[in-house]
Amino acid sequence: MTREEDGWDGQAVLLAAGLADLAVSTLGTALGTVRGLLRRSDGAELAADAERELMARGRLVLDRYAAVPPAHLEILARRALDRQAGR
């Protein structure tokens, strides 16, 4: 690292350049993949499969994060009742 790169400004520039390089290479790879997919003859089926997959993922995410967990005190009360019933 040279003297100009030692400060916060130099580090920020290096970080931004690294992120930009990563974004460009990722975008290039993604475009190549999309170009290859567009050449396929079963594009409609592929799009339908992708739609079903995304909807299934959406359902999983909503089930995971939208469900309200049971109240903490209610869980403790049930455990206490279970202990008392076991005696």
PDB file of N, CA and C in Angstrom:
ATOM      1  N   MET A   1       0.839  -1.164   0.000  1.00  0.00           N
ATOM      2  CA  MET A   1       0.000   0.000   0.000  1.00  0.00           C
ATOM      3  C   MET A   1       0.886   1.229   0.000  1.00  0.00           C
ATOM      4  N   THR A   2       0.598   2.158  -0.891  1.00  0.00           N
ATOM      5  CA  THR A   2       1.417   3.369  -0.961  1.00  0.00           C
ATOM      6  C   THR A   2       0.962   4.363   0.093  1.00  0.00           C
ATOM      7  N   ARG A   3       1.735   5.435   0.218  1.00  0.00           N
ATOM      8  CA  ARG A   3       1.437   6.429   1.230  1.00  0.00           C
ATOM      9  C   ARG A   3       0.074   7.090   0.998  1.00  0.00           C
ATOM     10  N   GLU A   4      -0.328   7.280  -0.257  1.00  0.00           N
ATOM     11  CA  GLU A   4      -1.603   7.922  -0.548  1.00  0.00           C
ATOM     12  C   GLU A   4      -2.778   7.035  -0.141  1.00  0.00           C
ATOM     13  N   GLU A   5      -2.560   5.741  -0.094  1.00  0.00           N
ATOM     14  CA  GLU A   5      -3.639   4.810   0.212  1.00  0.00           C
ATOM     15  C   GLU A   5      -3.764   4.539   1.707  1.00  0.00           C
ATOM     16  N   ASP A   6      -2.886   5.128   2.529  1.00  0.00           N
ATOM     17  CA  ASP A   6      -2.896   4.850   3.954  1.00  0.00           C
ATOM     18  C   ASP A   6      -4.069   5.487   4.677  1.00  0.00           C
ATOM     19  N   GLY A   7      -4.549   6.627   4.232  1.00  0.00           N
ATOM     20  CA  GLY A   7      -5.627   7.337   4.932  1.00  0.00           C
ATOM     21  C   GLY A   7      -6.985   6.724   4.667  1.00  0.00           C
ATOM     22  N   TRP A   8      -7.961   7.286   5.365  1.00  0.00           N
ATOM     23  CA  TRP A   8      -9.338   6.815   5.207  1.00  0.00           C
ATOM     24  C   TRP A   8      -9.830   7.023   3.781  1.00  0.00           C
ATOM     25  N   ASP A   9      -9.433   8.141   3.175  1.00  0.00           N
ATOM     26  CA  ASP A   9      -9.864   8.412   1.801  1.00  0.00           C
ATOM     27  C   ASP A   9      -9.325   7.362   0.843  1.00  0.00           C
ATOM     28  N   GLY A  10      -8.088   7.003   1.020  1.00  0.00           N
ATOM     29  CA  GLY A  10      -7.487   5.989   0.153  1.00  0.00           C
ATOM     30  C   GLY A  10      -8.139   4.633   0.335  1.00  0.00           C
ATOM     31  N   GLN A  11      -8.438   4.298   1.561  1.00  0.00           N
ATOM     32  CA  GLN A  11      -9.097   3.021   1.828  1.00  0.00           C
ATOM     33  C   GLN A  11     -10.506   3.001   1.249  1.00  0.00           C
ATOM     34  N   ALA A  12     -11.199   4.143   1.346  1.00  0.00           N
ATOM     35  CA  ALA A  12     -12.547   4.228   0.792  1.00  0.00           C
ATOM     36  C   ALA A  12     -12.515   4.067  -0.721  1.00  0.00           C
ATOM     37  N   VAL A  13     -11.523   4.658  -1.351  1.00  0.00           N
ATOM     38  CA  VAL A  13     -11.401   4.542  -2.805  1.00  0.00           C
ATOM     39  C   VAL A  13     -11.108   3.100  -3.191  1.00  0.00           C
ATOM     40  N   LEU A  14     -10.206   2.449  -2.465  1.00  0.00           N
ATOM     41  CA  LEU A  14      -9.896   1.051  -2.759  1.00  0.00           C
ATOM     42  C   LEU A  14     -11.114   0.152  -2.547  1.00  0.00           C
ATOM     43  N   LEU A  15     -11.865   0.408  -1.483  1.00  0.00           N
ATOM     44  CA  LEU A  15     -13.064  -0.366  -1.210  1.00  0.00           C
ATOM     45  C   LEU A  15     -14.101  -0.166  -2.314  1.00  0.00           C
ATOM     46  N   ALA A  16     -14.302   1.072  -2.721  1.00  0.00           N
ATOM     47  CA  ALA A  16     -15.270   1.358  -3.788  1.00  0.00           C
ATOM     48  C   ALA A  16     -14.835   0.719  -5.101  1.00  0.00           C
ATOM     49  N   ALA A  17     -13.547   0.763  -5.399  1.00  0.00           N
ATOM     50  CA  ALA A  17     -13.044   0.150  -6.634  1.00  0.00           C
ATOM     51  C   ALA A  17     -13.222  -1.362  -6.595  1.00  0.00           C
ATOM     52  N   GLY A  18     -12.974  -1.968  -5.448  1.00  0.00           N
ATOM     53  CA  GLY A  18     -13.154  -3.406  -5.321  1.00  0.00           C
ATOM     54  C   GLY A  18     -14.612  -3.812  -5.467  1.00  0.00           C
ATOM     55  N   LEU A  19     -15.505  -3.046  -4.859  1.00  0.00           N
ATOM     56  CA  LEU A  19     -16.930  -3.331  -4.986  1.00  0.00           C
ATOM     57  C   LEU A  19     -17.413  -3.149  -6.412  1.00  0.00           C
ATOM     58  N   ALA A  20     -16.922  -2.119  -7.089  1.00  0.00           N
ATOM     59  CA  ALA A  20     -17.302  -1.893  -8.485  1.00  0.00           C
ATOM     60  C   ALA A  20     -16.815  -3.038  -9.367  1.00  0.00           C
ATOM     61  N   ASP A  21     -15.596  -3.502  -9.142  1.00  0.00           N
ATOM     62  CA  ASP A  21     -15.072  -4.620  -9.919  1.00  0.00           C
ATOM     63  C   ASP A  21     -15.896  -5.878  -9.685  1.00  0.00           C
ATOM     64  N   LEU A  22     -16.267  -6.138  -8.443  1.00  0.00           N
ATOM     65  CA  LEU A  22     -17.096  -7.287  -8.116  1.00  0.00           C
ATOM     66  C   LEU A  22     -18.460  -7.180  -8.796  1.00  0.00           C
ATOM     67  N   ALA A  23     -19.059  -5.992  -8.767  1.00  0.00           N
ATOM     68  CA  ALA A  23     -20.370  -5.796  -9.390  1.00  0.00           C
ATOM     69  C   ALA A  23     -20.294  -6.015 -10.896  1.00  0.00           C
ATOM     70  N   VAL A  24     -19.257  -5.502 -11.524  1.00  0.00           N
ATOM     71  CA  VAL A  24     -19.121  -5.655 -12.978  1.00  0.00           C
ATOM     72  C   VAL A  24     -18.919  -7.121 -13.349  1.00  0.00           C
ATOM     73  N   SER A  25     -18.084  -7.832 -12.617  1.00  0.00           N
ATOM     74  CA  SER A  25     -17.853  -9.239 -12.947  1.00  0.00           C
ATOM     75  C   SER A  25     -19.105 -10.072 -12.688  1.00  0.00           C
ATOM     76  N   THR A  26     -19.831  -9.776 -11.624  1.00  0.00           N
ATOM     77  CA  THR A  26     -21.069 -10.499 -11.325  1.00  0.00           C
ATOM     78  C   THR A  26     -22.120 -10.207 -12.381  1.00  0.00           C
ATOM     79  N   LEU A  27     -22.226  -8.950 -12.786  1.00  0.00           N
ATOM     80  CA  LEU A  27     -23.184  -8.578 -13.819  1.00  0.00           C
ATOM     81  C   LEU A  27     -22.855  -9.267 -15.140  1.00  0.00           C
ATOM     82  N   GLY A  28     -21.578  -9.346 -15.478  1.00  0.00           N
ATOM     83  CA  GLY A  28     -21.173 -10.024 -16.699  1.00  0.00           C
ATOM     84  C   GLY A  28     -21.538 -11.495 -16.680  1.00  0.00           C
ATOM     85  N   THR A  29     -21.318 -12.133 -15.570  1.00  0.00           N
ATOM     86  CA  THR A  29     -21.677 -13.542 -15.429  1.00  0.00           C
ATOM     87  C   THR A  29     -23.186 -13.729 -15.528  1.00  0.00           C
ATOM     88  N   ALA A  30     -23.937 -12.854 -14.860  1.00  0.00           N
ATOM     89  CA  ALA A  30     -25.395 -12.949 -14.893  1.00  0.00           C
ATOM     90  C   ALA A  30     -25.925 -12.733 -16.306  1.00  0.00           C
ATOM     91  N   LEU A  31     -25.364 -11.778 -17.029  1.00  0.00           N
ATOM     92  CA  LEU A  31     -25.812 -11.536 -18.402  1.00  0.00           C
ATOM     93  C   LEU A  31     -25.510 -12.729 -19.297  1.00  0.00           C
ATOM     94  N   GLY A  32     -24.374 -13.351 -19.107  1.00  0.00           N
ATOM     95  CA  GLY A  32     -24.047 -14.553 -19.878  1.00  0.00           C
ATOM     96  C   GLY A  32     -25.025 -15.676 -19.598  1.00  0.00           C
ATOM     97  N   THR A  33     -25.407 -15.830 -18.342  1.00  0.00           N
ATOM     98  CA  THR A  33     -26.378 -16.862 -17.972  1.00  0.00           C
ATOM     99  C   THR A  33     -27.735 -16.571 -18.596  1.00  0.00           C
ATOM    100  N   VAL A  34     -28.169 -15.319 -18.525  1.00  0.00           N
ATOM    101  CA  VAL A  34     -29.460 -14.938 -19.111  1.00  0.00           C
ATOM    102  C   VAL A  34     -29.437 -15.140 -20.616  1.00  0.00           C
ATOM    103  N   ARG A  35     -28.363 -14.768 -21.254  1.00  0.00           N
ATOM    104  CA  ARG A  35     -28.235 -14.945 -22.704  1.00  0.00           C
ATOM    105  C   ARG A  35     -28.353 -16.427 -23.070  1.00  0.00           C
ATOM    106  N   GLY A  36     -27.728 -17.279 -22.277  1.00  0.00           N
ATOM    107  CA  GLY A  36     -27.815 -18.720 -22.521  1.00  0.00           C
ATOM    108  C   GLY A  36     -29.218 -19.251 -22.314  1.00  0.00           C
ATOM    109  N   LEU A  37     -29.905 -18.719 -21.301  1.00  0.00           N
ATOM    110  CA  LEU A  37     -31.276 -19.166 -21.044  1.00  0.00           C
ATOM    111  C   LEU A  37     -32.236 -18.724 -22.143  1.00  0.00           C
ATOM    112  N   LEU A  38     -31.996 -17.547 -22.709  1.00  0.00           N
ATOM    113  CA  LEU A  38     -32.871 -17.056 -23.768  1.00  0.00           C
ATOM    114  C   LEU A  38     -32.740 -17.884 -25.051  1.00  0.00           C
ATOM    115  N   ARG A  39     -31.633 -18.529 -25.230  1.00  0.00           N
ATOM    116  CA  ARG A  39     -31.420 -19.362 -26.419  1.00  0.00           C
ATOM    117  C   ARG A  39     -32.117 -20.706 -26.329  1.00  0.00           C
ATOM    118  N   ARG A  40     -32.570 -21.083 -25.160  1.00  0.00           N
ATOM    119  CA  ARG A  40     -33.196 -22.395 -24.983  1.00  0.00           C
ATOM    120  C   ARG A  40     -34.559 -22.432 -25.663  1.00  0.00           C
ATOM    121  N   SER A  41     -34.942 -23.599 -26.129  1.00  0.00           N
ATOM    122  CA  SER A  41     -36.233 -23.747 -26.791  1.00  0.00           C
ATOM    123  C   SER A  41     -37.373 -23.907 -25.797  1.00  0.00           C
ATOM    124  N   ASP A  42     -37.067 -24.291 -24.574  1.00  0.00           N
ATOM    125  CA  ASP A  42     -38.111 -24.478 -23.569  1.00  0.00           C
ATOM    126  C   ASP A  42     -38.205 -23.270 -22.638  1.00  0.00           C
ATOM    127  N   GLY A  43     -38.095 -22.089 -23.212  1.00  0.00           N
ATOM    128  CA  GLY A  43     -38.100 -20.858 -22.423  1.00  0.00           C
ATOM    129  C   GLY A  43     -39.381 -20.654 -21.643  1.00  0.00           C
ATOM    130  N   ALA A  44     -40.530 -20.969 -22.259  1.00  0.00           N
ATOM    131  CA  ALA A  44     -41.810 -20.779 -21.572  1.00  0.00           C
ATOM    132  C   ALA A  44     -41.915 -21.706 -20.358  1.00  0.00           C
ATOM    133  N   GLU A  45     -41.501 -22.948 -20.530  1.00  0.00           N
ATOM    134  CA  GLU A  45     -41.529 -23.894 -19.409  1.00  0.00           C
ATOM    135  C   GLU A  45     -40.562 -23.458 -18.313  1.00  0.00           C
ATOM    136  N   LEU A  46     -39.409 -22.976 -18.728  1.00  0.00           N
ATOM    137  CA  LEU A  46     -38.411 -22.518 -17.771  1.00  0.00           C
ATOM    138  C   LEU A  46     -38.941 -21.330 -16.976  1.00  0.00           C
ATOM    139  N   ALA A  47     -39.621 -20.401 -17.660  1.00  0.00           N
ATOM    140  CA  ALA A  47     -40.191 -19.238 -16.974  1.00  0.00           C
ATOM    141  C   ALA A  47     -41.291 -19.668 -16.008  1.00  0.00           C
ATOM    142  N   ALA A  48     -42.117 -20.624 -16.411  1.00  0.00           N
ATOM    143  CA  ALA A  48     -43.181 -21.117 -15.530  1.00  0.00           C
ATOM    144  C   ALA A  48     -42.587 -21.804 -14.304  1.00  0.00           C
ATOM    145  N   ASP A  49     -41.539 -22.589 -14.504  1.00  0.00           N
ATOM    146  CA  ASP A  49     -40.871 -23.237 -13.370  1.00  0.00           C
ATOM    147  C   ASP A  49     -40.283 -22.203 -12.423  1.00  0.00           C
ATOM    148  N   ALA A  50     -39.670 -21.168 -13.003  1.00  0.00           N
ATOM    149  CA  ALA A  50     -39.078 -20.112 -12.176  1.00  0.00           C
ATOM    150  C   ALA A  50     -40.157 -19.397 -11.378  1.00  0.00           C
ATOM    151  N   GLU A  51     -41.301 -19.159 -12.006  1.00  0.00           N
ATOM    152  CA  GLU A  51     -42.398 -18.493 -11.303  1.00  0.00           C
ATOM    153  C   GLU A  51     -42.899 -19.350 -10.141  1.00  0.00           C
ATOM    154  N   ARG A  52     -43.078 -20.636 -10.377  1.00  0.00           N
ATOM    155  CA  ARG A  52     -43.519 -21.532  -9.304  1.00  0.00           C
ATOM    156  C   ARG A  52     -42.496 -21.574  -8.173  1.00  0.00           C
ATOM    157  N   GLU A  53     -41.233 -21.628  -8.541  1.00  0.00           N
ATOM    158  CA  GLU A  53     -40.167 -21.658  -7.530  1.00  0.00           C
ATOM    159  C   GLU A  53     -40.174 -20.386  -6.687  1.00  0.00           C
ATOM    160  N   LEU A  54     -40.319 -19.231  -7.341  1.00  0.00           N
ATOM    161  CA  LEU A  54     -40.341 -17.971  -6.599  1.00  0.00           C
ATOM    162  C   LEU A  54     -41.565 -17.870  -5.695  1.00  0.00           C
ATOM    163  N   MET A  55     -42.696 -18.355  -6.160  1.00  0.00           N
ATOM    164  CA  MET A  55     -43.889 -18.327  -5.322  1.00  0.00           C
ATOM    165  C   MET A  55     -43.736 -19.250  -4.111  1.00  0.00           C
ATOM    166  N   ALA A  56     -43.138 -20.411  -4.319  1.00  0.00           N
ATOM    167  CA  ALA A  56     -42.901 -21.331  -3.206  1.00  0.00           C
ATOM    168  C   ALA A  56     -41.945 -20.709  -2.196  1.00  0.00           C
ATOM    169  N   ARG A  57     -40.897 -20.061  -2.692  1.00  0.00           N
ATOM    170  CA  ARG A  57     -39.962 -19.387  -1.790  1.00  0.00           C
ATOM    171  C   ARG A  57     -40.655 -18.275  -1.026  1.00  0.00           C
ATOM    172  N   GLY A  58     -41.525 -17.545  -1.724  1.00  0.00           N
ATOM    173  CA  GLY A  58     -42.268 -16.468  -1.073  1.00  0.00           C
ATOM    174  C   GLY A  58     -43.141 -16.994   0.055  1.00  0.00           C
ATOM    175  N   ARG A  59     -43.806 -18.120  -0.200  1.00  0.00           N
ATOM    176  CA  ARG A  59     -44.634 -18.725   0.848  1.00  0.00           C
ATOM    177  C   ARG A  59     -43.788 -19.125   2.058  1.00  0.00           C
ATOM    178  N   LEU A  60     -42.629 -19.716   1.785  1.00  0.00           N
ATOM    179  CA  LEU A  60     -41.751 -20.121   2.885  1.00  0.00           C
ATOM    180  C   LEU A  60     -41.306 -18.928   3.711  1.00  0.00           C
ATOM    181  N   VAL A  61     -40.939 -17.839   3.031  1.00  0.00           N
ATOM    182  CA  VAL A  61     -40.482 -16.647   3.747  1.00  0.00           C
ATOM    183  C   VAL A  61     -41.606 -16.076   4.591  1.00  0.00           C
ATOM    184  N   LEU A  62     -42.809 -15.986   4.004  1.00  0.00           N
ATOM    185  CA  LEU A  62     -43.932 -15.451   4.773  1.00  0.00           C
ATOM    186  C   LEU A  62     -44.269 -16.346   5.954  1.00  0.00           C
ATOM    187  N   ASP A  63     -44.219 -17.646   5.756  1.00  0.00           N
ATOM    188  CA  ASP A  63     -44.490 -18.562   6.862  1.00  0.00           C
ATOM    189  C   ASP A  63     -43.449 -18.423   7.959  1.00  0.00           C
ATOM    190  N   ARG A  64     -42.213 -18.198   7.558  1.00  0.00           N
ATOM    191  CA  ARG A  64     -41.127 -18.107   8.532  1.00  0.00           C
ATOM    192  C   ARG A  64     -41.183 -16.814   9.329  1.00  0.00           C
ATOM    193  N   TYR A  65     -41.435 -15.688   8.653  1.00  0.00           N
ATOM    194  CA  TYR A  65     -41.318 -14.398   9.321  1.00  0.00           C
ATOM    195  C   TYR A  65     -42.646 -13.746   9.677  1.00  0.00           C
ATOM    196  N   ALA A  66     -43.737 -14.131   9.059  1.00  0.00           N
ATOM    197  CA  ALA A  66     -45.016 -13.483   9.336  1.00  0.00           C
ATOM    198  C   ALA A  66     -45.766 -14.158  10.474  1.00  0.00           C
ATOM    199  N   ALA A  67     -45.427 -15.379  10.784  1.00  0.00           N
ATOM    200  CA  ALA A  67     -46.109 -16.088  11.862  1.00  0.00           C
ATOM    201  C   ALA A  67     -45.722 -15.468  13.202  1.00  0.00           C
ATOM    202  N   VAL A  68     -46.727 -15.257  14.014  1.00  0.00           N
ATOM    203  CA  VAL A  68     -46.491 -14.669  15.328  1.00  0.00           C
ATOM    204  C   VAL A  68     -46.106 -15.794  16.282  1.00  0.00           C
ATOM    205  N   PRO A  69     -44.959 -15.686  16.932  1.00  0.00           N
ATOM    206  CA  PRO A  69     -44.560 -16.726  17.875  1.00  0.00           C
ATOM    207  C   PRO A  69     -45.468 -16.692  19.103  1.00  0.00           C
ATOM    208  N   PRO A  70     -45.607 -17.816  19.783  1.00  0.00           N
ATOM    209  CA  PRO A  70     -46.458 -17.833  20.979  1.00  0.00           C
ATOM    210  C   PRO A  70     -45.867 -16.934  22.068  1.00  0.00           C
ATOM    211  N   ALA A  71     -46.741 -16.421  22.882  1.00  0.00           N
ATOM    212  CA  ALA A  71     -46.328 -15.520  23.954  1.00  0.00           C
ATOM    213  C   ALA A  71     -45.437 -16.268  24.944  1.00  0.00           C
ATOM    214  N   HIS A  72     -44.403 -15.605  25.381  1.00  0.00           N
ATOM    215  CA  HIS A  72     -43.423 -16.213  26.283  1.00  0.00           C
ATOM    216  C   HIS A  72     -44.070 -16.645  27.606  1.00  0.00           C
ATOM    217  N   LEU A  73     -44.895 -15.783  28.161  1.00  0.00           N
ATOM    218  CA  LEU A  73     -45.524 -16.116  29.436  1.00  0.00           C
ATOM    219  C   LEU A  73     -46.497 -17.279  29.284  1.00  0.00           C
ATOM    220  N   GLU A  74     -47.146 -17.361  28.136  1.00  0.00           N
ATOM    221  CA  GLU A  74     -48.051 -18.486  27.902  1.00  0.00           C
ATOM    222  C   GLU A  74     -47.284 -19.811  27.867  1.00  0.00           C
ATOM    223  N   ILE A  75     -46.127 -19.813  27.261  1.00  0.00           N
ATOM    224  CA  ILE A  75     -45.288 -21.018  27.223  1.00  0.00           C
ATOM    225  C   ILE A  75     -44.872 -21.412  28.635  1.00  0.00           C
ATOM    226  N   LEU A  76     -44.453 -20.426  29.424  1.00  0.00           N
ATOM    227  CA  LEU A  76     -44.057 -20.714  30.803  1.00  0.00           C
ATOM    228  C   LEU A  76     -45.228 -21.248  31.621  1.00  0.00           C
ATOM    229  N   ALA A  77     -46.419 -20.681  31.417  1.00  0.00           N
ATOM    230  CA  ALA A  77     -47.596 -21.149  32.147  1.00  0.00           C
ATOM    231  C   ALA A  77     -47.926 -22.586  31.768  1.00  0.00           C
ATOM    232  N   ARG A  78     -47.827 -22.922  30.511  1.00  0.00           N
ATOM    233  CA  ARG A  78     -48.103 -24.297  30.078  1.00  0.00           C
ATOM    234  C   ARG A  78     -47.106 -25.278  30.685  1.00  0.00           C
ATOM    235  N   ARG A  79     -45.846 -24.869  30.728  1.00  0.00           N
ATOM    236  CA  ARG A  79     -44.829 -25.745  31.330  1.00  0.00           C
ATOM    237  C   ARG A  79     -45.121 -25.961  32.810  1.00  0.00           C
ATOM    238  N   ALA A  80     -45.535 -24.879  33.492  1.00  0.00           N
ATOM    239  CA  ALA A  80     -45.845 -25.008  34.916  1.00  0.00           C
ATOM    240  C   ALA A  80     -47.032 -25.940  35.119  1.00  0.00           C
ATOM    241  N   LEU A  81     -48.053 -25.814  34.268  1.00  0.00           N
ATOM    242  CA  LEU A  81     -49.215 -26.704  34.381  1.00  0.00           C
ATOM    243  C   LEU A  81     -48.825 -28.153  34.100  1.00  0.00           C
ATOM    244  N   ASP A  82     -47.946 -28.361  33.114  1.00  0.00           N
ATOM    245  CA  ASP A  82     -47.462 -29.703  32.820  1.00  0.00           C
ATOM    246  C   ASP A  82     -46.720 -30.305  33.995  1.00  0.00           C
ATOM    247  N   ARG A  83     -45.901 -29.485  34.675  1.00  0.00           N
ATOM    248  CA  ARG A  83     -45.158 -29.970  35.846  1.00  0.00           C
ATOM    249  C   ARG A  83     -46.122 -30.350  36.972  1.00  0.00           C
ATOM    250  N   GLN A  84     -47.125 -29.491  37.180  1.00  0.00           N
ATOM    251  CA  GLN A  84     -48.089 -29.767  38.251  1.00  0.00           C
ATOM    252  C   GLN A  84     -48.899 -31.019  37.930  1.00  0.00           C
ATOM    253  N   ALA A  85     -49.235 -31.219  36.691  1.00  0.00           N
ATOM    254  CA  ALA A  85     -50.010 -32.395  36.308  1.00  0.00           C
ATOM    255  C   ALA A  85     -49.181 -33.663  36.445  1.00  0.00           C
ATOM    256  N   GLY A  86     -47.859 -33.540  36.315  1.00  0.00           N
ATOM    257  CA  GLY A  86     -46.979 -34.691  36.435  1.00  0.00           C
ATOM    258  C   GLY A  86     -46.754 -35.127  37.865  1.00  0.00           C
ATOM    259  N   ARG A  87     -47.048 -34.293  38.824  1.00  0.00           N
ATOM    260  CA  ARG A  87     -46.810 -34.638  40.238  1.00  0.00           C
ATOM    261  C   ARG A  87     -47.817 -35.552  40.764  1.00  0.00           C
TER     262      ARG A  87
END
